[in-house]
């Protein structure tokens, strides 16, 4: 039973880590293109 809970927590951590990594990549791409990264999580040109 604990193995399933641990698996779920590890998958959740990996998923959230991927989301934050992708947002960081999008923010860098936005700034390189001359846009401004909005607090809501999108690029404004």
Protein backbone atom coordinates (compact mmCIF):
# COMPACT_ATOMS: atom_id res chain seq x y z
CA UNK A 1 0.00 0.00 0.00
CA UNK A 2 2.78 2.45 0.90
CA UNK A 3 4.43 1.66 -2.44
CA UNK A 4 1.40 2.96 -4.33
CA UNK A 5 1.29 6.16 -2.29
CA UNK A 6 5.03 6.69 -2.82
CA UNK A 7 4.62 6.07 -6.57
CA UNK A 8 1.81 8.62 -6.74
CA UNK A 9 3.86 11.22 -4.85
CA UNK A 10 6.91 10.70 -7.07
CA UNK A 11 4.82 10.97 -10.22
CA UNK A 12 3.18 14.13 -8.90
CA UNK A 13 6.57 15.65 -8.07
CA UNK A 14 7.91 14.81 -11.54
CA UNK A 15 4.81 16.28 -13.20
CA UNK A 16 5.00 19.52 -11.22
CA UNK A 17 8.73 19.77 -11.86
CA UNK A 18 8.06 19.42 -15.59
CA UNK A 19 5.46 22.17 -15.49
CA UNK A 20 7.81 24.60 -13.75
CA UNK A 21 10.67 23.69 -16.10
CA UNK A 22 8.50 24.28 -19.18
CA UNK A 23 7.23 27.62 -17.86
CA UNK A 24 10.81 28.73 -17.29
CA UNK A 25 11.73 27.80 -20.85
CA UNK A 26 8.73 29.69 -22.23
CA UNK A 27 9.63 32.75 -20.15
CA UNK A 28 13.19 32.79 -21.48
CA UNK A 29 11.95 32.40 -25.05
CA UNK A 30 9.48 35.27 -24.54
CA UNK A 31 12.18 37.59 -23.21
CA UNK A 32 14.54 36.71 -26.08
CA UNK A 33 11.79 37.59 -28.57
CA UNK A 34 11.36 41.00 -26.95
CA UNK A 35 8.15 40.31 -25.07
CA UNK A 36 7.22 40.67 -21.44
CA UNK A 37 6.23 37.68 -19.34
CA UNK A 38 2.90 38.39 -17.66
CA UNK A 39 2.22 37.28 -14.12
CA UNK A 40 -0.67 35.17 -15.39
CA UNK A 41 1.81 33.00 -17.29
CA UNK A 42 1.71 34.22 -20.87
CA UNK A 43 3.84 36.37 -23.15
CA UNK A 44 2.84 39.89 -24.16
CA UNK A 45 4.46 41.58 -27.15
